[in-house]
Amino acid sequence: MIRLAPALLSLLLNACSQQPAETLRPPAPTGPPAIAVQSAPAQATSRFPETFEAGTKGSYATATETLGTGAWQLTEALIGASDQDHKRGARAARLRTGGRLTMTFDAPAGVQLIRISSAAYGQDAASTWELWGSQDGGRSYRRIGQPVRTQGPRLLTTTFEGGSARSLRLEIRKTDAGSGRLNIDDIGLETGAGAPVAGGPATQPGPPSAPARNPAPSPQSPVSQPDDNLALGNPSGATASLNTPNNYLLTRPQYAVGYHARRGTPTWVSWHLGAADMGSAPRQDDFRPDPALPRQFYAATSRSYSGSGFDRGHNCPSADRTRTLDDNSATFLMTNMIPQAANNNQRTWGNLEEWTRAQVQLGQEVYIIMGSYGQGGTGLQGFKTTIDEGRITVPARVWKVLVVLPAGSNDLQRIASGQARILAIDTPNDQQVSPDWSRYRVSVDALEAATGLDLLSTLPIAAQERLEVQIDSGPVR
């Protein structure tokens, strides 16, 4: 059983799902017809339930919408008012693949019941959604209860029971990769006495900023921040533009990606690893498409590698992100994967990853960039250039750059002055690769020549010229 914080644990243990008889019915139910559209009285300002009657957002683009309970961020979601939107009243939220509804305010302590109504949009296929909660102002989230499968046009209510002794903000996530759209309506939060919970102000600042990182060397270093993940630069100059599908930038708190849509894999992934990034969160194994990919791009699924003879090889490893369940889950997005030979993944890279984390446990911090290049690798079923009916390229080589230095501040200055150890590794993607990763040490210059990337680009030019020509020969035991 997954252990959560005590307050959320009670919600998890007592969460109940919709009646099995309903969830197993085909899309056209035999029961009562969909609830008729009718006018509803205006809800009290800043008081649950959230009925979406005050919303007017008409596009799926990410934006913050002022609703009756406060400001919510809608991602891949809009406020639907059509005949195909199943709702009570005139409006409901409508989510498509990757959709999220996120409170940007905290409900006060004392929530005992959470009720959420859901239905399929129009005659769309079934959807799966999850309820996640945060008790630190949106900095980290943990799932409450089990995933909910919603099918058919009849609004059904899922109730989560338990108790939250601290303030709570919620996020509803549409988690399946299908094309079916989902209606969400009437989100109710109640106290144990059945009284509705107060909402928040119409506008409110986002999550509080994390503490400043590394004021002094300490194994209790603060959690890596998004700017840490690109501290060494953007190796390919990737941008979040549809005009650059083969050099598309994806950024999240856990790591940054330069994604290559034609190859179906990342060109590079960059992240920072400190002591506080490693905690007790268990491995989630929830491989899934990345909802942040534009809809025009092909999105690999958990089944894309099935039967290929190649592992779903992490770039940013699962064990590098174990502070929270959310952090670990992020490493299982398919945009963080490459088709990797089993021996390369499980032995060579597994050994390097364990060595890297051991350095952190000894008081170091590490900046890491990993990637792959070329075409054609040898897995358990022999040599292949592509998998998934040609939609995913198998790389010929897998590489990594590690910049290791004592945990502290002014990192770029210390790196430029020669206080860091810089390792560059370049391995073949095959079954004959040695488990001893140290045999594959090269210079950063050699990697740049092979990949066409500009690594360590935020360092002064003089420092780059001095450091990138070196090949590490330090101890690895």
Foldseek 3Di string as FASTA:
>chain_A
DFDDPVQLVQLAVQWDADDPVQLPDAQADPDDDFDDADADDDDAAQWDDFFCPPFDFDAQPWDWTQGRNAIKTWHQKGWDQDPQARGYYRTWIKHWAFIKIWAQDWFFFAWFKKKKKKAWGRSFAKWKKWKWKDQQQPPDIDTGYDIYIHHYRYIDMTMGGGGGRGIMIMMMTGAARDGIMMTMGGIFTAGPVRGIIGGDHHDDDGGDDWDDFFADQDLQTTQQAQCQQQVLHQFAPADCDPVCQQQHWDTDGQWIFRHGLQQQETQKIKGKFANLQADAADQDLQAAWDSPDPPVGDTDGPCQCPPVQFDFAFRCDLRRGRNDNVRSVVRRHSRRGARFAPCCRCQQVVLVVVLQVVLNVVQKMKIKMKGFAAFWEQGPVGIDQATSVSRHGHGQKIKMKIWIAGRHPPVLVCVLVPRTDIWIFIWTRYDPTDSHRLVRTAFQVVVCVVSVTDTSVVHPPVSCVVRRHDTDDDDRD
